[in-house]
Amino acid sequence: GQIVIPKEARDLFGIAPGDTLMLLADKRQGIAIPPKSAFSTL
């Protein structure tokens, strides 16, 4: 069930090995992985 985040996306959002990401899901709208900068606002 694992996915690999493409390098371009990791570079664009500053995702590095060991980072913790948040996965949001909605049955109608799908899955989203918001950027780390959105955590504090959320």
PDB file of all heavy atoms in Angstrom:
ATOM      1  N   GLY A   1       0.802  -1.224   0.000  1.00  0.00           N
ATOM      2  CA  GLY A   1       0.000   0.000   0.000  1.00  0.00           C
ATOM      3  C   GLY A   1       0.831   1.269   0.000  1.00  0.00           C
ATOM      4  O   GLY A   1       0.305   2.354   0.217  1.00  0.00           O
ATOM      5  N   GLN A   2       2.121   1.154  -0.234  1.00  0.00           N
ATOM      6  CA  GLN A   2       3.006   2.323  -0.203  1.00  0.00           C
ATOM      7  C   GLN A   2       3.073   2.987  -1.577  1.00  0.00           C
ATOM      8  O   GLN A   2       2.956   2.318  -2.605  1.00  0.00           O
ATOM      9  CB  GLN A   2       4.407   1.903   0.216  1.00  0.00           C
ATOM     10  CG  GLN A   2       4.454   1.325   1.609  1.00  0.00           C
ATOM     11  CD  GLN A   2       5.791   0.676   1.927  1.00  0.00           C
ATOM     12  OE1 GLN A   2       6.391   0.032   1.079  1.00  0.00           O
ATOM     13  NE2 GLN A   2       6.254   0.857   3.149  1.00  0.00           N
ATOM     14  N   ILE A   3       3.256   4.296  -1.549  1.00  0.00           N
ATOM     15  CA  ILE A   3       3.498   5.045  -2.784  1.00  0.00           C
ATOM     16  C   ILE A   3       4.811   5.808  -2.632  1.00  0.00           C
ATOM     17  O   ILE A   3       5.242   6.093  -1.513  1.00  0.00           O
ATOM     18  CB  ILE A   3       2.363   6.036  -3.121  1.00  0.00           C
ATOM     19  CG1 ILE A   3       2.224   7.118  -2.043  1.00  0.00           C
ATOM     20  CG2 ILE A   3       1.050   5.317  -3.350  1.00  0.00           C
ATOM     21  CD1 ILE A   3       1.322   8.263  -2.423  1.00  0.00           C
ATOM     22  N   VAL A   4       5.422   6.120  -3.747  1.00  0.00           N
ATOM     23  CA  VAL A   4       6.626   6.936  -3.744  1.00  0.00           C
ATOM     24  C   VAL A   4       6.236   8.314  -4.261  1.00  0.00           C
ATOM     25  O   VAL A   4       5.645   8.437  -5.336  1.00  0.00           O
ATOM     26  CB  VAL A   4       7.730   6.319  -4.638  1.00  0.00           C
ATOM     27  CG1 VAL A   4       8.914   7.253  -4.746  1.00  0.00           C
ATOM     28  CG2 VAL A   4       8.152   4.962  -4.098  1.00  0.00           C
ATOM     29  N   ILE A   5       6.540   9.341  -3.486  1.00  0.00           N
ATOM     30  CA  ILE A   5       6.260  10.711  -3.920  1.00  0.00           C
ATOM     31  C   ILE A   5       7.333  11.083  -4.939  1.00  0.00           C
ATOM     32  O   ILE A   5       8.528  10.989  -4.648  1.00  0.00           O
ATOM     33  CB  ILE A   5       6.266  11.681  -2.725  1.00  0.00           C
ATOM     34  CG1 ILE A   5       5.186  11.265  -1.722  1.00  0.00           C
ATOM     35  CG2 ILE A   5       6.054  13.118  -3.196  1.00  0.00           C
ATOM     36  CD1 ILE A   5       5.235  12.020  -0.414  1.00  0.00           C
ATOM     37  N   PRO A   6       6.934  11.512  -6.140  1.00  0.00           N
ATOM     38  CA  PRO A   6       7.919  11.836  -7.173  1.00  0.00           C
ATOM     39  C   PRO A   6       8.924  12.889  -6.702  1.00  0.00           C
ATOM     40  O   PRO A   6       8.593  13.785  -5.918  1.00  0.00           O
ATOM     41  CB  PRO A   6       7.068  12.372  -8.325  1.00  0.00           C
ATOM     42  CG  PRO A   6       5.718  11.758  -8.102  1.00  0.00           C
ATOM     43  CD  PRO A   6       5.565  11.678  -6.614  1.00  0.00           C
ATOM     44  N   LYS A   7      10.163  12.759  -7.175  1.00  0.00           N
ATOM     45  CA  LYS A   7      11.240  13.662  -6.777  1.00  0.00           C
ATOM     46  C   LYS A   7      10.869  15.122  -7.009  1.00  0.00           C
ATOM     47  O   LYS A   7      11.145  15.985  -6.181  1.00  0.00           O
ATOM     48  CB  LYS A   7      12.529  13.327  -7.529  1.00  0.00           C
ATOM     49  CG  LYS A   7      13.696  14.228  -7.135  1.00  0.00           C
ATOM     50  CD  LYS A   7      14.955  13.865  -7.855  1.00  0.00           C
ATOM     51  CE  LYS A   7      16.162  14.678  -7.487  1.00  0.00           C
ATOM     52  NZ  LYS A   7      16.014  15.932  -6.819  1.00  0.00           N
ATOM     53  N   GLU A   8      10.244  15.408  -8.138  1.00  0.00           N
ATOM     54  CA  GLU A   8       9.854  16.795  -8.437  1.00  0.00           C
ATOM     55  C   GLU A   8       8.920  17.342  -7.361  1.00  0.00           C
ATOM     56  O   GLU A   8       9.040  18.489  -6.947  1.00  0.00           O
ATOM     57  CB  GLU A   8       9.175  16.888  -9.808  1.00  0.00           C
ATOM     58  CG  GLU A   8      10.073  16.517 -10.967  1.00  0.00           C
ATOM     59  CD  GLU A   8      10.037  15.020 -11.297  1.00  0.00           C
ATOM     60  OE1 GLU A   8       9.399  14.224 -10.555  1.00  0.00           O
ATOM     61  OE2 GLU A   8      10.670  14.634 -12.294  1.00  0.00           O
ATOM     62  N   ALA A   9       7.989  16.521  -6.897  1.00  0.00           N
ATOM     63  CA  ALA A   9       7.056  16.950  -5.853  1.00  0.00           C
ATOM     64  C   ALA A   9       7.784  17.122  -4.524  1.00  0.00           C
ATOM     65  O   ALA A   9       7.534  18.080  -3.787  1.00  0.00           O
ATOM     66  CB  ALA A   9       5.917  15.939  -5.707  1.00  0.00           C
ATOM     67  N   ARG A  10       8.682  16.184  -4.198  1.00  0.00           N
ATOM     68  CA  ARG A  10       9.454  16.317  -2.946  1.00  0.00           C
ATOM     69  C   ARG A  10      10.280  17.586  -2.959  1.00  0.00           C
ATOM     70  O   ARG A  10      10.351  18.310  -1.955  1.00  0.00           O
ATOM     71  CB  ARG A  10      10.358  15.091  -2.757  1.00  0.00           C
ATOM     72  CG  ARG A  10       9.591  13.793  -2.538  1.00  0.00           C
ATOM     73  CD  ARG A  10      10.494  12.656  -2.094  1.00  0.00           C
ATOM     74  NE  ARG A  10      11.727  12.502  -2.831  1.00  0.00           N
ATOM     75  CZ  ARG A  10      11.912  11.677  -3.866  1.00  0.00           C
ATOM     76  NH1 ARG A  10      10.908  10.926  -4.290  1.00  0.00           N
ATOM     77  NH2 ARG A  10      13.082  11.588  -4.460  1.00  0.00           N
ATOM     78  N   ASP A  11      10.918  17.875  -4.090  1.00  0.00           N
ATOM     79  CA  ASP A  11      11.726  19.101  -4.193  1.00  0.00           C
ATOM     80  C   ASP A  11      10.845  20.345  -4.092  1.00  0.00           C
ATOM     81  O   ASP A  11      11.179  21.296  -3.383  1.00  0.00           O
ATOM     82  CB  ASP A  11      12.494  19.126  -5.527  1.00  0.00           C
ATOM     83  CG  ASP A  11      13.600  18.092  -5.596  1.00  0.00           C
ATOM     84  OD1 ASP A  11      13.976  17.525  -4.544  1.00  0.00           O
ATOM     85  OD2 ASP A  11      14.094  17.852  -6.720  1.00  0.00           O
ATOM     86  N   LEU A  12       9.719  20.342  -4.774  1.00  0.00           N
ATOM     87  CA  LEU A  12       8.821  21.493  -4.788  1.00  0.00           C
ATOM     88  C   LEU A  12       8.312  21.833  -3.391  1.00  0.00           C
ATOM     89  O   LEU A  12       8.231  23.005  -3.016  1.00  0.00           O
ATOM     90  CB  LEU A  12       7.638  21.216  -5.728  1.00  0.00           C
ATOM     91  CG  LEU A  12       6.609  22.323  -5.901  1.00  0.00           C
ATOM     92  CD1 LEU A  12       7.234  23.516  -6.631  1.00  0.00           C
ATOM     93  CD2 LEU A  12       5.419  21.806  -6.684  1.00  0.00           C
ATOM     94  N   PHE A  13       8.009  20.799  -2.587  1.00  0.00           N
ATOM     95  CA  PHE A  13       7.428  21.024  -1.264  1.00  0.00           C
ATOM     96  C   PHE A  13       8.412  20.814  -0.119  1.00  0.00           C
ATOM     97  O   PHE A  13       8.025  20.836   1.049  1.00  0.00           O
ATOM     98  CB  PHE A  13       6.200  20.135  -1.078  1.00  0.00           C
ATOM     99  CG  PHE A  13       5.060  20.544  -1.973  1.00  0.00           C
ATOM    100  CD1 PHE A  13       4.771  19.824  -3.114  1.00  0.00           C
ATOM    101  CD2 PHE A  13       4.306  21.671  -1.687  1.00  0.00           C
ATOM    102  CE1 PHE A  13       3.740  20.207  -3.955  1.00  0.00           C
ATOM    103  CE2 PHE A  13       3.278  22.068  -2.514  1.00  0.00           C
ATOM    104  CZ  PHE A  13       2.991  21.332  -3.661  1.00  0.00           C
ATOM    105  N   GLY A  14       9.680  20.604  -0.439  1.00  0.00           N
ATOM    106  CA  GLY A  14      10.694  20.482   0.602  1.00  0.00           C
ATOM    107  C   GLY A  14      10.518  19.247   1.468  1.00  0.00           C
ATOM    108  O   GLY A  14      10.761  19.291   2.675  1.00  0.00           O
ATOM    109  N   ILE A  15      10.088  18.149   0.881  1.00  0.00           N
ATOM    110  CA  ILE A  15       9.884  16.909   1.624  1.00  0.00           C
ATOM    111  C   ILE A  15      11.200  16.138   1.641  1.00  0.00           C
ATOM    112  O   ILE A  15      11.783  15.872   0.596  1.00  0.00           O
ATOM    113  CB  ILE A  15       8.771  16.054   0.982  1.00  0.00           C
ATOM    114  CG1 ILE A  15       7.451  16.839   0.985  1.00  0.00           C
ATOM    115  CG2 ILE A  15       8.628  14.722   1.700  1.00  0.00           C
ATOM    116  CD1 ILE A  15       6.361  16.197   0.152  1.00  0.00           C
ATOM    117  N   ALA A  16      11.659  15.798   2.835  1.00  0.00           N
ATOM    118  CA  ALA A  16      12.947  15.118   2.993  1.00  0.00           C
ATOM    119  C   ALA A  16      12.744  13.788   3.725  1.00  0.00           C
ATOM    120  O   ALA A  16      11.742  13.603   4.423  1.00  0.00           O
ATOM    121  CB  ALA A  16      13.907  16.003   3.788  1.00  0.00           C
ATOM    122  N   PRO A  17      13.706  12.865   3.579  1.00  0.00           N
ATOM    123  CA  PRO A  17      13.608  11.601   4.310  1.00  0.00           C
ATOM    124  C   PRO A  17      13.435  11.850   5.812  1.00  0.00           C
ATOM    125  O   PRO A  17      14.064  12.735   6.382  1.00  0.00           O
ATOM    126  CB  PRO A  17      14.950  10.920   4.029  1.00  0.00           C
ATOM    127  CG  PRO A  17      15.378  11.485   2.713  1.00  0.00           C
ATOM    128  CD  PRO A  17      14.907  12.922   2.740  1.00  0.00           C
ATOM    129  N   GLY A  18      12.529  11.100   6.418  1.00  0.00           N
ATOM    130  CA  GLY A  18      12.266  11.252   7.844  1.00  0.00           C
ATOM    131  C   GLY A  18      11.157  12.234   8.165  1.00  0.00           C
ATOM    132  O   GLY A  18      10.693  12.287   9.307  1.00  0.00           O
ATOM    133  N   ASP A  19      10.720  13.027   7.192  1.00  0.00           N
ATOM    134  CA  ASP A  19       9.618  13.959   7.431  1.00  0.00           C
ATOM    135  C   ASP A  19       8.330  13.194   7.700  1.00  0.00           C
ATOM    136  O   ASP A  19       8.120  12.096   7.183  1.00  0.00           O
ATOM    137  CB  ASP A  19       9.381  14.863   6.214  1.00  0.00           C
ATOM    138  CG  ASP A  19      10.380  15.984   6.097  1.00  0.00           C
ATOM    139  OD1 ASP A  19      11.189  16.173   7.024  1.00  0.00           O
ATOM    140  OD2 ASP A  19      10.372  16.681   5.061  1.00  0.00           O
ATOM    141  N   THR A  20       7.472  13.775   8.495  1.00  0.00           N
ATOM    142  CA  THR A  20       6.148  13.227   8.733  1.00  0.00           C
ATOM    143  C   THR A  20       5.161  14.037   7.916  1.00  0.00           C
ATOM    144  O   THR A  20       5.179  15.275   7.958  1.00  0.00           O
ATOM    145  CB  THR A  20       5.780  13.312  10.228  1.00  0.00           C
ATOM    146  OG1 THR A  20       6.727  12.538  10.964  1.00  0.00           O
ATOM    147  CG2 THR A  20       4.383  12.790  10.483  1.00  0.00           C
ATOM    148  N   LEU A  21       4.319  13.354   7.173  1.00  0.00           N
ATOM    149  CA  LEU A  21       3.317  14.028   6.348  1.00  0.00           C
ATOM    150  C   LEU A  21       1.929  13.691   6.863  1.00  0.00           C
ATOM    151  O   LEU A  21       1.716  12.655   7.483  1.00  0.00           O
ATOM    152  CB  LEU A  21       3.435  13.580   4.886  1.00  0.00           C
ATOM    153  CG  LEU A  21       4.772  13.817   4.216  1.00  0.00           C
ATOM    154  CD1 LEU A  21       4.760  13.245   2.804  1.00  0.00           C
ATOM    155  CD2 LEU A  21       5.109  15.288   4.188  1.00  0.00           C
ATOM    156  N   MET A  22       0.983  14.570   6.586  1.00  0.00           N
ATOM    157  CA  MET A  22      -0.396  14.347   6.967  1.00  0.00           C
ATOM    158  C   MET A  22      -1.171  13.954   5.718  1.00  0.00           C
ATOM    159  O   MET A  22      -1.042  14.588   4.673  1.00  0.00           O
ATOM    160  CB  MET A  22      -1.005  15.623   7.562  1.00  0.00           C
ATOM    161  CG  MET A  22      -2.437  15.435   8.011  1.00  0.00           C
ATOM    162  SD  MET A  22      -3.188  16.950   8.629  1.00  0.00           S
ATOM    163  CE  MET A  22      -2.062  17.405   9.921  1.00  0.00           C
ATOM    164  N   LEU A  23      -1.955  12.920   5.819  1.00  0.00           N
ATOM    165  CA  LEU A  23      -2.782  12.460   4.718  1.00  0.00           C
ATOM    166  C   LEU A  23      -4.224  12.766   5.077  1.00  0.00           C
ATOM    167  O   LEU A  23      -4.720  12.314   6.107  1.00  0.00           O
ATOM    168  CB  LEU A  23      -2.584  10.952   4.518  1.00  0.00           C
ATOM    169  CG  LEU A  23      -3.277  10.332   3.331  1.00  0.00           C
ATOM    170  CD1 LEU A  23      -2.487  10.642   2.066  1.00  0.00           C
ATOM    171  CD2 LEU A  23      -3.368   8.839   3.524  1.00  0.00           C
ATOM    172  N   LEU A  24      -4.904  13.555   4.257  1.00  0.00           N
ATOM    173  CA  LEU A  24      -6.303  13.888   4.481  1.00  0.00           C
ATOM    174  C   LEU A  24      -7.137  13.146   3.451  1.00  0.00           C
ATOM    175  O   LEU A  24      -6.707  12.986   2.307  1.00  0.00           O
ATOM    176  CB  LEU A  24      -6.530  15.398   4.334  1.00  0.00           C
ATOM    177  CG  LEU A  24      -5.683  16.302   5.228  1.00  0.00           C
ATOM    178  CD1 LEU A  24      -5.942  17.759   4.897  1.00  0.00           C
ATOM    179  CD2 LEU A  24      -5.963  16.025   6.686  1.00  0.00           C
ATOM    180  N   ALA A  25      -8.311  12.683   3.836  1.00  0.00           N
ATOM    181  CA  ALA A  25      -9.144  11.940   2.900  1.00  0.00           C
ATOM    182  C   ALA A  25     -10.609  12.312   3.051  1.00  0.00           C
ATOM    183  O   ALA A  25     -11.083  12.608   4.144  1.00  0.00           O
ATOM    184  CB  ALA A  25      -8.966  10.444   3.125  1.00  0.00           C
ATOM    185  N   ASP A  26     -11.294  12.306   1.934  1.00  0.00           N
ATOM    186  CA  ASP A  26     -12.724  12.544   1.870  1.00  0.00           C
ATOM    187  C   ASP A  26     -13.265  11.558   0.836  1.00  0.00           C
ATOM    188  O   ASP A  26     -12.733  11.488  -0.269  1.00  0.00           O
ATOM    189  CB  ASP A  26     -12.987  13.995   1.443  1.00  0.00           C
ATOM    190  CG  ASP A  26     -14.462  14.314   1.352  1.00  0.00           C
ATOM    191  OD1 ASP A  26     -15.093  13.880   0.356  1.00  0.00           O
ATOM    192  OD2 ASP A  26     -14.988  14.997   2.239  1.00  0.00           O
ATOM    193  N   LYS A  27     -14.292  10.793   1.193  1.00  0.00           N
ATOM    194  CA  LYS A  27     -14.803   9.768   0.284  1.00  0.00           C
ATOM    195  C   LYS A  27     -15.209  10.332  -1.071  1.00  0.00           C
ATOM    196  O   LYS A  27     -15.058   9.679  -2.086  1.00  0.00           O
ATOM    197  CB  LYS A  27     -15.987   9.038   0.894  1.00  0.00           C
ATOM    198  CG  LYS A  27     -15.610   7.976   1.878  1.00  0.00           C
ATOM    199  CD  LYS A  27     -16.834   7.200   2.304  1.00  0.00           C
ATOM    200  CE  LYS A  27     -16.432   5.768   2.581  1.00  0.00           C
ATOM    201  NZ  LYS A  27     -17.581   4.921   2.853  1.00  0.00           N
ATOM    202  N   ARG A  28     -15.720  11.554  -1.096  1.00  0.00           N
ATOM    203  CA  ARG A  28     -16.162  12.137  -2.366  1.00  0.00           C
ATOM    204  C   ARG A  28     -15.043  12.871  -3.096  1.00  0.00           C
ATOM    205  O   ARG A  28     -14.988  12.852  -4.309  1.00  0.00           O
ATOM    206  CB  ARG A  28     -17.337  13.088  -2.137  1.00  0.00           C
ATOM    207  CG  ARG A  28     -18.631  12.327  -1.841  1.00  0.00           C
ATOM    208  CD  ARG A  28     -19.799  13.256  -1.648  1.00  0.00           C
ATOM    209  NE  ARG A  28     -19.744  13.758  -0.269  1.00  0.00           N
ATOM    210  CZ  ARG A  28     -19.982  14.999   0.092  1.00  0.00           C
ATOM    211  NH1 ARG A  28     -20.318  15.898  -0.782  1.00  0.00           N
ATOM    212  NH2 ARG A  28     -19.896  15.354   1.354  1.00  0.00           N
ATOM    213  N   GLN A  29     -14.154  13.533  -2.356  1.00  0.00           N
ATOM    214  CA  GLN A  29     -13.153  14.375  -3.001  1.00  0.00           C
ATOM    215  C   GLN A  29     -11.804  13.691  -3.186  1.00  0.00           C
ATOM    216  O   GLN A  29     -10.990  14.152  -3.975  1.00  0.00           O
ATOM    217  CB  GLN A  29     -12.969  15.665  -2.204  1.00  0.00           C
ATOM    218  CG  GLN A  29     -14.221  16.516  -2.200  1.00  0.00           C
ATOM    219  CD  GLN A  29     -14.001  17.823  -1.483  1.00  0.00           C
ATOM    220  OE1 GLN A  29     -12.910  18.364  -1.503  1.00  0.00           O
ATOM    221  NE2 GLN A  29     -15.030  18.327  -0.848  1.00  0.00           N
ATOM    222  N   GLY A  30     -11.533  12.628  -2.448  1.00  0.00           N
ATOM    223  CA  GLY A  30     -10.280  11.909  -2.625  1.00  0.00           C
ATOM    224  C   GLY A  30      -9.284  12.163  -1.519  1.00  0.00           C
ATOM    225  O   GLY A  30      -9.642  12.568  -0.410  1.00  0.00           O
ATOM    226  N   ILE A  31      -8.013  11.925  -1.835  1.00  0.00           N
ATOM    227  CA  ILE A  31      -6.918  12.009  -0.874  1.00  0.00           C
ATOM    228  C   ILE A  31      -6.068  13.239  -1.174  1.00  0.00           C
ATOM    229  O   ILE A  31      -5.807  13.552  -2.335  1.00  0.00           O
ATOM    230  CB  ILE A  31      -6.055  10.739  -0.937  1.00  0.00           C
ATOM    231  CG1 ILE A  31      -6.879   9.517  -0.501  1.00  0.00           C
ATOM    232  CG2 ILE A  31      -4.799  10.865  -0.087  1.00  0.00           C
ATOM    233  CD1 ILE A  31      -6.173   8.198  -0.705  1.00  0.00           C
ATOM    234  N   ALA A  32      -5.605  13.900  -0.122  1.00  0.00           N
ATOM    235  CA  ALA A  32      -4.721  15.058  -0.271  1.00  0.00           C
ATOM    236  C   ALA A  32      -3.589  14.963   0.734  1.00  0.00           C
ATOM    237  O   ALA A  32      -3.779  14.477   1.852  1.00  0.00           O
ATOM    238  CB  ALA A  32      -5.493  16.357  -0.051  1.00  0.00           C
ATOM    239  N   ILE A  33      -2.429  15.410   0.334  1.00  0.00           N
ATOM    240  CA  ILE A  33      -1.280  15.532   1.229  1.00  0.00           C
ATOM    241  C   ILE A  33      -0.913  17.010   1.217  1.00  0.00           C
ATOM    242  O   ILE A  33      -0.263  17.484   0.294  1.00  0.00           O
ATOM    243  CB  ILE A  33      -0.087  14.671   0.763  1.00  0.00           C
ATOM    244  CG1 ILE A  33      -0.501  13.210   0.621  1.00  0.00           C
ATOM    245  CG2 ILE A  33       1.078  14.823   1.736  1.00  0.00           C
ATOM    246  CD1 ILE A  33       0.550  12.318  -0.001  1.00  0.00           C
ATOM    247  N   PRO A  34      -1.385  17.768   2.217  1.00  0.00           N
ATOM    248  CA  PRO A  34      -1.118  19.207   2.214  1.00  0.00           C
ATOM    249  C   PRO A  34       0.358  19.500   2.489  1.00  0.00           C
ATOM    250  O   PRO A  34       1.055  18.706   3.118  1.00  0.00           O
ATOM    251  CB  PRO A  34      -1.997  19.737   3.351  1.00  0.00           C
ATOM    252  CG  PRO A  34      -2.195  18.571   4.247  1.00  0.00           C
ATOM    253  CD  PRO A  34      -2.147  17.351   3.381  1.00  0.00           C
ATOM    254  N   PRO A  35       0.852  20.656   2.012  1.00  0.00           N
ATOM    255  CA  PRO A  35       2.239  21.024   2.299  1.00  0.00           C
ATOM    256  C   PRO A  35       2.434  21.257   3.791  1.00  0.00           C
ATOM    257  O   PRO A  35       1.491  21.606   4.515  1.00  0.00           O
ATOM    258  CB  PRO A  35       2.447  22.311   1.505  1.00  0.00           C
ATOM    259  CG  PRO A  35       1.085  22.842   1.253  1.00  0.00           C
ATOM    260  CD  PRO A  35       0.163  21.666   1.224  1.00  0.00           C
ATOM    261  N   LYS A  36       3.678  21.055   4.243  1.00  0.00           N
ATOM    262  CA  LYS A  36       3.988  21.226   5.669  1.00  0.00           C
ATOM    263  C   LYS A  36       3.599  22.609   6.168  1.00  0.00           C
ATOM    264  O   LYS A  36       3.199  22.764   7.313  1.00  0.00           O
ATOM    265  CB  LYS A  36       5.473  20.979   5.911  1.00  0.00           C
ATOM    266  CG  LYS A  36       5.875  19.536   5.719  1.00  0.00           C
ATOM    267  CD  LYS A  36       7.331  19.321   6.019  1.00  0.00           C
ATOM    268  CE  LYS A  36       8.171  19.805   4.876  1.00  0.00           C
ATOM    269  NZ  LYS A  36       9.587  19.500   5.011  1.00  0.00           N
ATOM    270  N   SER A  37       3.680  23.607   5.307  1.00  0.00           N
ATOM    271  CA  SER A  37       3.358  24.974   5.724  1.00  0.00           C
ATOM    272  C   SER A  37       1.886  25.120   6.115  1.00  0.00           C
ATOM    273  O   SER A  37       1.523  26.052   6.813  1.00  0.00           O
ATOM    274  CB  SER A  37       3.689  25.954   4.599  1.00  0.00           C
ATOM    275  OG  SER A  37       2.932  25.641   3.433  1.00  0.00           O
ATOM    276  N   ALA A  38       1.042  24.190   5.707  1.00  0.00           N
ATOM    277  CA  ALA A  38      -0.383  24.263   6.028  1.00  0.00           C
ATOM    278  C   ALA A  38      -0.698  23.667   7.389  1.00  0.00           C
ATOM    279  O   ALA A  38      -1.799  23.862   7.912  1.00  0.00           O
ATOM    280  CB  ALA A  38      -1.195  23.549   4.947  1.00  0.00           C
ATOM    281  N   PHE A  39       0.240  22.943   8.005  1.00  0.00           N
ATOM    282  CA  PHE A  39      -0.024  22.274   9.274  1.00  0.00           C
ATOM    283  C   PHE A  39      -0.467  23.238  10.360  1.00  0.00           C
ATOM    284  O   PHE A  39      -1.458  23.002  11.038  1.00  0.00           O
ATOM    285  CB  PHE A  39       1.199  21.509   9.766  1.00  0.00           C
ATOM    286  CG  PHE A  39       1.468  20.216   9.046  1.00  0.00           C
ATOM    287  CD1 PHE A  39       0.751  19.838   7.923  1.00  0.00           C
ATOM    288  CD2 PHE A  39       2.446  19.380   9.490  1.00  0.00           C
ATOM    289  CE1 PHE A  39       0.993  18.656   7.264  1.00  0.00           C
ATOM    290  CE2 PHE A  39       2.714  18.180   8.838  1.00  0.00           C
ATOM    291  CZ  PHE A  39       1.986  17.819   7.729  1.00  0.00           C
ATOM    292  N   SER A  40       0.274  24.309  10.569  1.00  0.00           N
ATOM    293  CA  SER A  40      -0.055  25.211  11.676  1.00  0.00           C
ATOM    294  C   SER A  40      -1.426  25.844  11.477  1.00  0.00           C
ATOM    295  O   SER A  40      -2.197  25.966  12.434  1.00  0.00           O
ATOM    296  CB  SER A  40       1.025  26.284  11.841  1.00  0.00           C
ATOM    297  OG  SER A  40       1.129  27.060  10.674  1.00  0.00           O
ATOM    298  N   THR A  41      -1.760  26.210  10.255  1.00  0.00           N
ATOM    299  CA  THR A  41      -3.076  26.790   9.982  1.00  0.00           C
ATOM    300  C   THR A  41      -4.174  25.764  10.229  1.00  0.00           C
ATOM    301  O   THR A  41      -5.192  26.066  10.850  1.00  0.00           O
ATOM    302  CB  THR A  41      -3.150  27.270   8.518  1.00  0.00           C
ATOM    303  OG1 THR A  41      -2.089  28.194   8.293  1.00  0.00           O
ATOM    304  CG2 THR A  41      -4.471  27.926   8.209  1.00  0.00           C
ATOM    305  N   LEU A  42      -3.938  24.539   9.776  1.00  0.00           N
ATOM    306  CA  LEU A  42      -4.922  23.481   9.957  1.00  0.00           C
ATOM    307  C   LEU A  42      -5.132  23.173  11.437  1.00  0.00           C
ATOM    308  O   LEU A  42      -6.266  23.119  11.915  1.00  0.00           O
ATOM    309  CB  LEU A  42      -4.477  22.218   9.219  1.00  0.00           C
ATOM    310  CG  LEU A  42      -5.396  21.013   9.310  1.00  0.00           C
ATOM    311  CD1 LEU A  42      -6.756  21.327   8.712  1.00  0.00           C
ATOM    312  CD2 LEU A  42      -4.769  19.830   8.600  1.00  0.00           C
TER     313      LEU A  42
END
